[in-house]
Every structure is written in structure tokens, then in C-alpha cells.
């Protein structure tokens, strides 16, 4: 399994309540329904330890069981529509594939 982390700020002027409603009603159930995805959560960044500024408003965590299949699934017309909606909210999202360090 690989984990995809997505970090982003909302677009200037984006409505927080509208984004969070869209995330709950559209984004989360759609991504969770993909065969290649074992889990998907969206997290609001609320506080940093110490005095550091929080560089992002939100972080998504996507647990992917088959990366090739994931790329196929996100290339579909339905997922491209969801991605387009996401781009209306997210300002320059950063997508980071990760692997656990403790896995040989």
C-alpha cells in the first residue's frame, strides 16, 4: 500500500462551509468508492506545535492499494469532474506519495 498526502490552502474568497460540505457530500464518498482506495480522509489543519505558522488549510490522506489502478480510476470522466471541482476550492495543492519507513 502507498499513501498519497495532499496539502492545500483554499482559494482566496472560497467559502469554508461550502468546501467542507462539498468534501463530505462529493469528494469523500467518491474517492472512497474507488476500487484502488482503501481509505480516504480530509483533515482541517487547526494548530501547529510551538510558534510555527500552519502552511496549509487542509490535508487529505488517501490509502491506495494499487497505484496503477488508481491512475486509471482518476483518469475517468467522473473523477476528472470531481478533480475540476476540487481545483475550484484548492489553491496550488501539493500531492506527495509516501511509503512507510518501517516497511522493508
PDB file of N, CA and C in Angstrom:
ATOM      1  N   UNK A   1       0.829  -1.182   0.000  1.00  0.00           N
ATOM      2  CA  UNK A   1       0.000   0.000   0.000  1.00  0.00           C
ATOM      3  C   UNK A   1       0.876   1.249   0.000  1.00  0.00           C
ATOM      4  N   UNK A   2       0.414   2.251  -0.727  1.00  0.00           N
ATOM      5  CA  UNK A   2       1.062   3.557  -0.707  1.00  0.00           C
ATOM      6  C   UNK A   2       0.052   4.572  -0.203  1.00  0.00           C
ATOM      7  N   UNK A   3       0.563   5.608   0.370  1.00  0.00           N
ATOM      8  CA  UNK A   3      -0.293   6.674   0.894  1.00  0.00           C
ATOM      9  C   UNK A   3       0.008   7.946   0.109  1.00  0.00           C
ATOM     10  N   UNK A   4      -1.062   8.602  -0.325  1.00  0.00           N
ATOM     11  CA  UNK A   4      -0.949   9.881  -1.018  1.00  0.00           C
ATOM     12  C   UNK A   4      -1.436  10.967  -0.071  1.00  0.00           C
ATOM     13  N   UNK A   5      -0.565  11.935   0.200  1.00  0.00           N
ATOM     14  CA  UNK A   5      -0.926  13.080   1.027  1.00  0.00           C
ATOM     15  C   UNK A   5      -1.130  14.276   0.114  1.00  0.00           C
ATOM     16  N   UNK A   6      -2.185  15.031   0.369  1.00  0.00           N
ATOM     17  CA  UNK A   6      -2.488  16.222  -0.427  1.00  0.00           C
ATOM     18  C   UNK A   6      -2.609  17.393   0.538  1.00  0.00           C
ATOM     19  N   UNK A   7      -1.759  18.393   0.360  1.00  0.00           N
ATOM     20  CA  UNK A   7      -1.743  19.575   1.210  1.00  0.00           C
ATOM     21  C   UNK A   7      -2.226  20.766   0.398  1.00  0.00           C
ATOM     22  N   UNK A   8      -3.108  21.596   0.982  1.00  0.00           N
ATOM     23  CA  UNK A   8      -3.563  22.763   0.223  1.00  0.00           C
ATOM     24  C   UNK A   8      -4.178  23.825   1.121  1.00  0.00           C
ATOM     25  N   UNK A   9      -4.145  25.039   0.608  1.00  0.00           N
ATOM     26  CA  UNK A   9      -4.897  26.162   1.150  1.00  0.00           C
ATOM     27  C   UNK A   9      -6.120  26.328   0.269  1.00  0.00           C
ATOM     28  N   UNK A  10      -7.157  26.930   0.818  1.00  0.00           N
ATOM     29  CA  UNK A  10      -8.316  27.254  -0.003  1.00  0.00           C
ATOM     30  C   UNK A  10      -8.010  28.472  -0.868  1.00  0.00           C
ATOM     31  N   UNK A  11      -8.650  28.525  -2.019  1.00  0.00           N
ATOM     32  CA  UNK A  11      -8.541  29.699  -2.891  1.00  0.00           C
ATOM     33  C   UNK A  11      -8.984  30.937  -2.119  1.00  0.00           C
ATOM     34  N   UNK A  12      -8.397  32.081  -2.421  1.00  0.00           N
ATOM     35  CA  UNK A  12      -8.850  33.329  -1.817  1.00  0.00           C
ATOM     36  C   UNK A  12     -10.333  33.506  -2.092  1.00  0.00           C
ATOM     37  N   UNK A  13     -11.082  33.804  -1.060  1.00  0.00           N
ATOM     38  CA  UNK A  13     -12.505  34.035  -1.205  1.00  0.00           C
ATOM     39  C   UNK A  13     -13.362  32.780  -1.191  1.00  0.00           C
ATOM     40  N   UNK A  14     -12.734  31.600  -1.146  1.00  0.00           N
ATOM     41  CA  UNK A  14     -13.513  30.358  -1.111  1.00  0.00           C
ATOM     42  C   UNK A  14     -14.280  30.274   0.209  1.00  0.00           C
ATOM     43  N   UNK A  15     -15.490  29.807   0.147  1.00  0.00           N
ATOM     44  CA  UNK A  15     -16.340  29.665   1.317  1.00  0.00           C
ATOM     45  C   UNK A  15     -15.998  28.355   2.031  1.00  0.00           C
ATOM     46  N   UNK A  16     -15.524  28.450   3.263  1.00  0.00           N
ATOM     47  CA  UNK A  16     -15.101  27.274   4.038  1.00  0.00           C
ATOM     48  C   UNK A  16     -16.258  26.285   4.199  1.00  0.00           C
ATOM     49  N   UNK A  17     -17.425  26.780   4.549  1.00  0.00           N
ATOM     50  CA  UNK A  17     -18.579  25.892   4.759  1.00  0.00           C
ATOM     51  C   UNK A  17     -18.953  25.188   3.462  1.00  0.00           C
ATOM     52  N   UNK A  18     -18.892  25.888   2.339  1.00  0.00           N
ATOM     53  CA  UNK A  18     -19.219  25.275   1.045  1.00  0.00           C
ATOM     54  C   UNK A  18     -18.193  24.206   0.690  1.00  0.00           C
ATOM     55  N   UNK A  19     -16.895  24.500   0.930  1.00  0.00           N
ATOM     56  CA  UNK A  19     -15.872  23.493   0.644  1.00  0.00           C
ATOM     57  C   UNK A  19     -16.090  22.254   1.509  1.00  0.00           C
ATOM     58  N   UNK A  20     -16.277  22.449   2.807  1.00  0.00           N
ATOM     59  CA  UNK A  20     -16.406  21.297   3.702  1.00  0.00           C
ATOM     60  C   UNK A  20     -17.664  20.488   3.392  1.00  0.00           C
ATOM     61  N   UNK A  21     -18.750  21.145   2.993  1.00  0.00           N
ATOM     62  CA  UNK A  21     -19.961  20.416   2.586  1.00  0.00           C
ATOM     63  C   UNK A  21     -19.681  19.613   1.320  1.00  0.00           C
ATOM     64  N   UNK A  22     -18.993  20.230   0.352  1.00  0.00           N
ATOM     65  CA  UNK A  22     -18.643  19.518  -0.887  1.00  0.00           C
ATOM     66  C   UNK A  22     -17.734  18.324  -0.571  1.00  0.00           C
ATOM     67  N   UNK A  23     -16.763  18.523   0.326  1.00  0.00           N
ATOM     68  CA  UNK A  23     -15.852  17.427   0.693  1.00  0.00           C
ATOM     69  C   UNK A  23     -16.639  16.258   1.283  1.00  0.00           C
ATOM     70  N   UNK A  24     -17.562  16.554   2.195  1.00  0.00           N
ATOM     71  CA  UNK A  24     -18.357  15.497   2.847  1.00  0.00           C
ATOM     72  C   UNK A  24     -19.320  14.818   1.877  1.00  0.00           C
ATOM     73  N   UNK A  25     -19.956  15.601   1.011  1.00  0.00           N
ATOM     74  CA  UNK A  25     -21.031  15.084   0.161  1.00  0.00           C
ATOM     75  C   UNK A  25     -20.558  14.516  -1.177  1.00  0.00           C
ATOM     76  N   UNK A  26     -19.436  15.016  -1.692  1.00  0.00           N
ATOM     77  CA  UNK A  26     -18.984  14.618  -3.032  1.00  0.00           C
ATOM     78  C   UNK A  26     -17.610  13.952  -2.991  1.00  0.00           C
ATOM     79  N   UNK A  27     -16.621  14.688  -2.530  1.00  0.00           N
ATOM     80  CA  UNK A  27     -15.230  14.233  -2.631  1.00  0.00           C
ATOM     81  C   UNK A  27     -14.987  12.946  -1.847  1.00  0.00           C
ATOM     82  N   UNK A  28     -15.311  12.945  -0.577  1.00  0.00           N
ATOM     83  CA  UNK A  28     -15.007  11.785   0.269  1.00  0.00           C
ATOM     84  C   UNK A  28     -15.722  10.524  -0.214  1.00  0.00           C
ATOM     85  N   UNK A  29     -17.051  10.568  -0.426  1.00  0.00           N
ATOM     86  CA  UNK A  29     -17.690   9.321  -0.877  1.00  0.00           C
ATOM     87  C   UNK A  29     -17.232   8.867  -2.262  1.00  0.00           C
ATOM     88  N   UNK A  30     -16.914   9.811  -3.140  1.00  0.00           N
ATOM     89  CA  UNK A  30     -16.482   9.441  -4.494  1.00  0.00           C
ATOM     90  C   UNK A  30     -15.121   8.760  -4.467  1.00  0.00           C
ATOM     91  N   UNK A  31     -14.175   9.338  -3.734  1.00  0.00           N
ATOM     92  CA  UNK A  31     -12.833   8.754  -3.667  1.00  0.00           C
ATOM     93  C   UNK A  31     -12.863   7.425  -2.909  1.00  0.00           C
ATOM     94  N   UNK A  32     -13.635   7.354  -1.845  1.00  0.00           N
ATOM     95  CA  UNK A  32     -13.723   6.095  -1.087  1.00  0.00           C
ATOM     96  C   UNK A  32     -14.321   4.966  -1.918  1.00  0.00           C
ATOM     97  N   UNK A  33     -15.096   5.295  -2.929  1.00  0.00           N
ATOM     98  CA  UNK A  33     -15.732   4.276  -3.771  1.00  0.00           C
ATOM     99  C   UNK A  33     -14.782   3.681  -4.807  1.00  0.00           C
ATOM    100  N   UNK A  34     -13.607   4.271  -4.993  1.00  0.00           N
ATOM    101  CA  UNK A  34     -12.650   3.739  -5.963  1.00  0.00           C
ATOM    102  C   UNK A  34     -12.119   2.396  -5.489  1.00  0.00           C
ATOM    103  N   UNK A  35     -12.027   1.445  -6.392  1.00  0.00           N
ATOM    104  CA  UNK A  35     -11.502   0.113  -6.047  1.00  0.00           C
ATOM    105  C   UNK A  35     -10.063   0.166  -5.552  1.00  0.00           C
ATOM    106  N   UNK A  36      -9.297   1.137  -6.040  1.00  0.00           N
ATOM    107  CA  UNK A  36      -7.881   1.233  -5.689  1.00  0.00           C
ATOM    108  C   UNK A  36      -7.643   1.916  -4.344  1.00  0.00           C
ATOM    109  N   UNK A  37      -8.697   2.396  -3.707  1.00  0.00           N
ATOM    110  CA  UNK A  37      -8.561   3.155  -2.461  1.00  0.00           C
ATOM    111  C   UNK A  37      -9.100   2.348  -1.279  1.00  0.00           C
ATOM    112  N   UNK A  38      -8.256   2.197  -0.249  1.00  0.00           N
ATOM    113  CA  UNK A  38      -8.662   1.519   0.979  1.00  0.00           C
ATOM    114  C   UNK A  38      -9.183   2.492   2.026  1.00  0.00           C
ATOM    115  N   UNK A  39      -8.794   3.757   1.909  1.00  0.00           N
ATOM    116  CA  UNK A  39      -9.246   4.750   2.879  1.00  0.00           C
ATOM    117  C   UNK A  39      -8.976   6.150   2.381  1.00  0.00           C
ATOM    118  N   UNK A  40      -9.821   7.081   2.809  1.00  0.00           N
ATOM    119  CA  UNK A  40      -9.656   8.482   2.416  1.00  0.00           C
ATOM    120  C   UNK A  40     -10.255   9.373   3.489  1.00  0.00           C
ATOM    121  N   UNK A  41      -9.442  10.289   4.008  1.00  0.00           N
ATOM    122  CA  UNK A  41      -9.923  11.251   4.989  1.00  0.00           C
ATOM    123  C   UNK A  41      -9.418  12.645   4.624  1.00  0.00           C
ATOM    124  N   UNK A  42     -10.199  13.641   5.022  1.00  0.00           N
ATOM    125  CA  UNK A  42      -9.829  15.040   4.840  1.00  0.00           C
ATOM    126  C   UNK A  42      -9.706  15.649   6.231  1.00  0.00           C
ATOM    127  N   UNK A  43      -8.617  16.354   6.454  1.00  0.00           N
ATOM    128  CA  UNK A  43      -8.338  16.931   7.766  1.00  0.00           C
ATOM    129  C   UNK A  43      -8.159  18.439   7.656  1.00  0.00           C
ATOM    130  N   UNK A  44      -8.797  19.172   8.543  1.00  0.00           N
ATOM    131  CA  UNK A  44      -8.603  20.614   8.624  1.00  0.00           C
ATOM    132  C   UNK A  44      -7.404  20.867   9.531  1.00  0.00           C
ATOM    133  N   UNK A  45      -6.436  21.648   9.071  1.00  0.00           N
ATOM    134  CA  UNK A  45      -5.259  21.982   9.869  1.00  0.00           C
ATOM    135  C   UNK A  45      -5.656  23.096  10.837  1.00  0.00           C
ATOM    136  N   UNK A  46      -5.540  22.840  12.128  1.00  0.00           N
ATOM    137  CA  UNK A  46      -6.065  23.784  13.107  1.00  0.00           C
ATOM    138  C   UNK A  46      -5.015  24.410  14.016  1.00  0.00           C
ATOM    139  N   UNK A  47      -3.878  23.756  14.194  1.00  0.00           N
ATOM    140  CA  UNK A  47      -2.891  24.293  15.114  1.00  0.00           C
ATOM    141  C   UNK A  47      -1.543  23.640  14.846  1.00  0.00           C
ATOM    142  N   UNK A  48      -0.486  24.421  14.971  1.00  0.00           N
ATOM    143  CA  UNK A  48       0.871  23.898  14.847  1.00  0.00           C
ATOM    144  C   UNK A  48       1.508  23.873  16.228  1.00  0.00           C
ATOM    145  N   UNK A  49       2.386  22.919  16.448  1.00  0.00           N
ATOM    146  CA  UNK A  49       3.132  22.895  17.699  1.00  0.00           C
ATOM    147  C   UNK A  49       4.098  24.064  17.732  1.00  0.00           C
ATOM    148  N   UNK A  50       4.304  24.611  18.903  1.00  0.00           N
ATOM    149  CA  UNK A  50       5.206  25.743  19.029  1.00  0.00           C
ATOM    150  C   UNK A  50       4.628  26.988  18.376  1.00  0.00           C
ATOM    151  N   UNK A  51       5.505  27.777  17.804  1.00  0.00           N
ATOM    152  CA  UNK A  51       5.085  29.047  17.220  1.00  0.00           C
ATOM    153  C   UNK A  51       5.062  29.016  15.698  1.00  0.00           C
ATOM    154  N   UNK A  52       5.169  27.852  15.126  1.00  0.00           N
ATOM    155  CA  UNK A  52       5.198  27.744  13.665  1.00  0.00           C
ATOM    156  C   UNK A  52       3.849  28.123  13.070  1.00  0.00           C
ATOM    157  N   UNK A  53       3.914  28.746  11.916  1.00  0.00           N
ATOM    158  CA  UNK A  53       2.694  29.055  11.173  1.00  0.00           C
ATOM    159  C   UNK A  53       2.259  27.787  10.434  1.00  0.00           C
ATOM    160  N   UNK A  54       0.963  27.605  10.286  1.00  0.00           N
ATOM    161  CA  UNK A  54       0.445  26.449   9.560  1.00  0.00           C
ATOM    162  C   UNK A  54       0.477  26.786   8.071  1.00  0.00           C
ATOM    163  N   UNK A  55       1.220  26.020   7.270  1.00  0.00           N
ATOM    164  CA  UNK A  55       1.355  26.363   5.853  1.00  0.00           C
ATOM    165  C   UNK A  55       0.164  25.973   4.981  1.00  0.00           C
ATOM    166  N   UNK A  56      -0.742  25.135   5.512  1.00  0.00           N
ATOM    167  CA  UNK A  56      -1.881  24.657   4.720  1.00  0.00           C
ATOM    168  C   UNK A  56      -3.156  24.757   5.534  1.00  0.00           C
ATOM    169  N   UNK A  57      -4.280  24.812   4.830  1.00  0.00           N
ATOM    170  CA  UNK A  57      -5.581  24.816   5.497  1.00  0.00           C
ATOM    171  C   UNK A  57      -6.101  23.394   5.706  1.00  0.00           C
ATOM    172  N   UNK A  58      -5.786  22.501   4.755  1.00  0.00           N
ATOM    173  CA  UNK A  58      -6.316  21.133   4.781  1.00  0.00           C
ATOM    174  C   UNK A  58      -5.255  20.146   4.333  1.00  0.00           C
ATOM    175  N   UNK A  59      -5.456  18.891   4.731  1.00  0.00           N
ATOM    176  CA  UNK A  59      -4.625  17.790   4.286  1.00  0.00           C
ATOM    177  C   UNK A  59      -5.546  16.597   4.017  1.00  0.00           C
ATOM    178  N   UNK A  60      -5.345  15.956   2.895  1.00  0.00           N
ATOM    179  CA  UNK A  60      -6.060  14.725   2.575  1.00  0.00           C
ATOM    180  C   UNK A  60      -5.095  13.560   2.699  1.00  0.00           C
ATOM    181  N   UNK A  61      -5.605  12.434   3.171  1.00  0.00           N
ATOM    182  CA  UNK A  61      -4.823  11.210   3.264  1.00  0.00           C
ATOM    183  C   UNK A  61      -5.568  10.132   2.490  1.00  0.00           C
ATOM    184  N   UNK A  62      -4.917   9.617   1.439  1.00  0.00           N
ATOM    185  CA  UNK A  62      -5.534   8.599   0.586  1.00  0.00           C
ATOM    186  C   UNK A  62      -4.672   7.342   0.658  1.00  0.00           C
ATOM    187  N   UNK A  63      -5.251   6.251   1.143  1.00  0.00           N
ATOM    188  CA  UNK A  63      -4.559   4.964   1.197  1.00  0.00           C
ATOM    189  C   UNK A  63      -4.872   4.195  -0.081  1.00  0.00           C
ATOM    190  N   UNK A  64      -3.843   3.972  -0.888  1.00  0.00           N
ATOM    191  CA  UNK A  64      -4.002   3.384  -2.218  1.00  0.00           C
ATOM    192  C   UNK A  64      -3.434   1.973  -2.221  1.00  0.00           C
ATOM    193  N   UNK A  65      -4.250   1.003  -2.623  1.00  0.00           N
ATOM    194  CA  UNK A  65      -3.805  -0.391  -2.645  1.00  0.00           C
ATOM    195  C   UNK A  65      -3.204  -0.804  -3.984  1.00  0.00           C
ATOM    196  N   UNK A  66      -3.449  -0.016  -5.048  1.00  0.00           N
ATOM    197  CA  UNK A  66      -2.936  -0.332  -6.380  1.00  0.00           C
ATOM    198  C   UNK A  66      -2.741   0.986  -7.127  1.00  0.00           C
ATOM    199  N   UNK A  67      -1.498   1.443  -7.203  1.00  0.00           N
ATOM    200  CA  UNK A  67      -1.202   2.757  -7.783  1.00  0.00           C
ATOM    201  C   UNK A  67      -1.583   2.816  -9.264  1.00  0.00           C
ATOM    202  N   UNK A  68      -1.269   1.769 -10.027  1.00  0.00           N
ATOM    203  CA  UNK A  68      -1.619   1.768 -11.452  1.00  0.00           C
ATOM    204  C   UNK A  68      -3.129   1.877 -11.634  1.00  0.00           C
ATOM    205  N   UNK A  69      -3.865   1.111 -10.865  1.00  0.00           N
ATOM    206  CA  UNK A  69      -5.335   1.160 -10.936  1.00  0.00           C
ATOM    207  C   UNK A  69      -5.842   2.540 -10.498  1.00  0.00           C
ATOM    208  N   UNK A  70      -5.218   3.122  -9.493  1.00  0.00           N
ATOM    209  CA  UNK A  70      -5.593   4.455  -9.017  1.00  0.00           C
ATOM    210  C   UNK A  70      -5.484   5.475 -10.154  1.00  0.00           C
ATOM    211  N   UNK A  71      -4.357   5.439 -10.880  1.00  0.00           N
ATOM    212  CA  UNK A  71      -4.192   6.371 -12.007  1.00  0.00           C
ATOM    213  C   UNK A  71      -5.260   6.132 -13.076  1.00  0.00           C
ATOM    214  N   UNK A  72      -5.601   4.883 -13.321  1.00  0.00           N
ATOM    215  CA  UNK A  72      -6.683   4.588 -14.272  1.00  0.00           C
ATOM    216  C   UNK A  72      -7.997   5.187 -13.787  1.00  0.00           C
ATOM    217  N   UNK A  73      -8.308   4.970 -12.532  1.00  0.00           N
ATOM    218  CA  UNK A  73      -9.586   5.429 -11.986  1.00  0.00           C
ATOM    219  C   UNK A  73      -9.688   6.952 -11.921  1.00  0.00           C
ATOM    220  N   UNK A  74      -8.598   7.635 -11.584  1.00  0.00           N
ATOM    221  CA  UNK A  74      -8.693   9.092 -11.516  1.00  0.00           C
ATOM    222  C   UNK A  74      -8.698   9.722 -12.904  1.00  0.00           C
ATOM    223  N   UNK A  75      -8.407   8.922 -13.917  1.00  0.00           N
ATOM    224  CA  UNK A  75      -8.463   9.411 -15.291  1.00  0.00           C
ATOM    225  C   UNK A  75      -9.845   9.336 -15.917  1.00  0.00           C
ATOM    226  N   UNK A  76     -10.816   8.760 -15.205  1.00  0.00           N
ATOM    227  CA  UNK A  76     -12.161   8.639 -15.759  1.00  0.00           C
ATOM    228  C   UNK A  76     -12.841  10.006 -15.811  1.00  0.00           C
ATOM    229  N   UNK A  77     -13.857  10.097 -16.646  1.00  0.00           N
ATOM    230  CA  UNK A  77     -14.594  11.350 -16.784  1.00  0.00           C
ATOM    231  C   UNK A  77     -15.216  11.782 -15.454  1.00  0.00           C
ATOM    232  N   UNK A  78     -15.770  10.829 -14.715  1.00  0.00           N
ATOM    233  CA  UNK A  78     -16.399  11.152 -13.432  1.00  0.00           C
ATOM    234  C   UNK A  78     -15.382  11.720 -12.442  1.00  0.00           C
ATOM    235  N   UNK A  79     -14.209  11.091 -12.357  1.00  0.00           N
ATOM    236  CA  UNK A  79     -13.192  11.580 -11.416  1.00  0.00           C
ATOM    237  C   UNK A  79     -12.580  12.892 -11.889  1.00  0.00           C
ATOM    238  N   UNK A  80     -12.483  13.088 -13.183  1.00  0.00           N
ATOM    239  CA  UNK A  80     -11.985  14.359 -13.688  1.00  0.00           C
ATOM    240  C   UNK A  80     -12.945  15.498 -13.339  1.00  0.00           C
ATOM    241  N   UNK A  81     -14.238  15.205 -13.328  1.00  0.00           N
ATOM    242  CA  UNK A  81     -15.227  16.212 -12.921  1.00  0.00           C
ATOM    243  C   UNK A  81     -15.025  16.583 -11.447  1.00  0.00           C
ATOM    244  N   UNK A  82     -14.805  15.574 -10.599  1.00  0.00           N
ATOM    245  CA  UNK A  82     -14.562  15.829  -9.174  1.00  0.00           C
ATOM    246  C   UNK A  82     -13.255  16.607  -9.007  1.00  0.00           C
ATOM    247  N   UNK A  83     -12.227  16.240  -9.752  1.00  0.00           N
ATOM    248  CA  UNK A  83     -10.948  16.948  -9.676  1.00  0.00           C
ATOM    249  C   UNK A  83     -11.113  18.413 -10.087  1.00  0.00           C
ATOM    250  N   UNK A  84     -11.933  18.667 -11.089  1.00  0.00           N
ATOM    251  CA  UNK A  84     -12.195  20.039 -11.514  1.00  0.00           C
ATOM    252  C   UNK A  84     -12.886  20.836 -10.424  1.00  0.00           C
ATOM    253  N   UNK A  85     -13.805  20.203  -9.729  1.00  0.00           N
ATOM    254  CA  UNK A  85     -14.477  20.867  -8.609  1.00  0.00           C
ATOM    255  C   UNK A  85     -13.477  21.150  -7.488  1.00  0.00           C
ATOM    256  N   UNK A  86     -12.600  20.178  -7.216  1.00  0.00           N
ATOM    257  CA  UNK A  86     -11.573  20.356  -6.190  1.00  0.00           C
ATOM    258  C   UNK A  86     -10.698  21.564  -6.522  1.00  0.00           C
ATOM    259  N   UNK A  87     -10.331  21.708  -7.788  1.00  0.00           N
ATOM    260  CA  UNK A  87      -9.468  22.818  -8.207  1.00  0.00           C
ATOM    261  C   UNK A  87     -10.134  24.174  -8.001  1.00  0.00           C
ATOM    262  N   UNK A  88     -11.455  24.198  -7.960  1.00  0.00           N
ATOM    263  CA  UNK A  88     -12.157  25.454  -7.696  1.00  0.00           C
ATOM    264  C   UNK A  88     -11.996  25.883  -6.240  1.00  0.00           C
ATOM    265  N   UNK A  89     -11.703  24.938  -5.366  1.00  0.00           N
ATOM    266  CA  UNK A  89     -11.505  25.235  -3.944  1.00  0.00           C
ATOM    267  C   UNK A  89     -10.030  25.322  -3.564  1.00  0.00           C
ATOM    268  N   UNK A  90      -9.206  24.433  -4.086  1.00  0.00           N
ATOM    269  CA  UNK A  90      -7.819  24.288  -3.631  1.00  0.00           C
ATOM    270  C   UNK A  90      -6.879  25.197  -4.410  1.00  0.00           C
ATOM    271  N   UNK A  91      -6.020  25.892  -3.674  1.00  0.00           N
ATOM    272  CA  UNK A  91      -5.027  26.782  -4.270  1.00  0.00           C
ATOM    273  C   UNK A  91      -3.679  26.059  -4.312  1.00  0.00           C
ATOM    274  N   UNK A  92      -3.255  25.673  -5.501  1.00  0.00           N
ATOM    275  CA  UNK A  92      -1.958  25.002  -5.700  1.00  0.00           C
ATOM    276  C   UNK A  92      -1.734  23.822  -4.750  1.00  0.00           C
ATOM    277  N   UNK A  93      -2.580  22.789  -4.831  1.00  0.00           N
ATOM    278  CA  UNK A  93      -2.384  21.632  -3.955  1.00  0.00           C
ATOM    279  C   UNK A  93      -1.068  20.919  -4.258  1.00  0.00           C
ATOM    280  N   UNK A  94      -0.488  20.351  -3.208  1.00  0.00           N
ATOM    281  CA  UNK A  94       0.753  19.584  -3.329  1.00  0.00           C
ATOM    282  C   UNK A  94       0.398  18.122  -3.058  1.00  0.00           C
ATOM    283  N   UNK A  95       0.710  17.240  -4.011  1.00  0.00           N
ATOM    284  CA  UNK A  95       0.422  15.806  -3.923  1.00  0.00           C
ATOM    285  C   UNK A  95       1.735  15.080  -3.651  1.00  0.00           C
ATOM    286  N   UNK A  96       1.793  14.313  -2.554  1.00  0.00           N
ATOM    287  CA  UNK A  96       3.025  13.648  -2.149  1.00  0.00           C
ATOM    288  C   UNK A  96       2.758  12.164  -1.921  1.00  0.00           C
ATOM    289  N   UNK A  97       3.381  11.306  -2.745  1.00  0.00           N
ATOM    290  CA  UNK A  97       3.326   9.864  -2.490  1.00  0.00           C
ATOM    291  C   UNK A  97       4.272   9.549  -1.346  1.00  0.00           C
ATOM    292  N   UNK A  98       3.837   8.681  -0.434  1.00  0.00           N
ATOM    293  CA  UNK A  98       4.683   8.300   0.690  1.00  0.00           C
ATOM    294  C   UNK A  98       4.737   6.785   0.828  1.00  0.00           C
ATOM    295  N   UNK A  99       5.799   6.310   1.417  1.00  0.00           N
ATOM    296  CA  UNK A  99       5.962   4.913   1.790  1.00  0.00           C
ATOM    297  C   UNK A  99       6.382   4.886   3.255  1.00  0.00           C
ATOM    298  N   UNK A 100       5.861   3.946   4.036  1.00  0.00           N
ATOM    299  CA  UNK A 100       6.269   3.864   5.435  1.00  0.00           C
ATOM    300  C   UNK A 100       7.746   3.481   5.548  1.00  0.00           C
ATOM    301  N   UNK A 101       8.442   4.093   6.456  1.00  0.00           N
ATOM    302  CA  UNK A 101       9.861   3.809   6.651  1.00  0.00           C
ATOM    303  C   UNK A 101      10.064   2.448   7.293  1.00  0.00           C
ATOM    304  N   UNK A 102       9.110   2.009   8.096  1.00  0.00           N
ATOM    305  CA  UNK A 102       9.296   0.757   8.828  1.00  0.00           C
ATOM    306  C   UNK A 102       8.990  -0.489   8.006  1.00  0.00           C
ATOM    307  N   UNK A 103       8.604  -0.312   6.742  1.00  0.00           N
ATOM    308  CA  UNK A 103       8.292  -1.459   5.889  1.00  0.00           C
ATOM    309  C   UNK A 103       9.533  -1.823   5.065  1.00  0.00           C
ATOM    310  N   UNK A 104       9.975  -3.070   5.159  1.00  0.00           N
ATOM    311  CA  UNK A 104      11.177  -3.483   4.393  1.00  0.00           C
ATOM    312  C   UNK A 104      10.951  -3.471   2.901  1.00  0.00           C
TER     313      UNK A 104
END
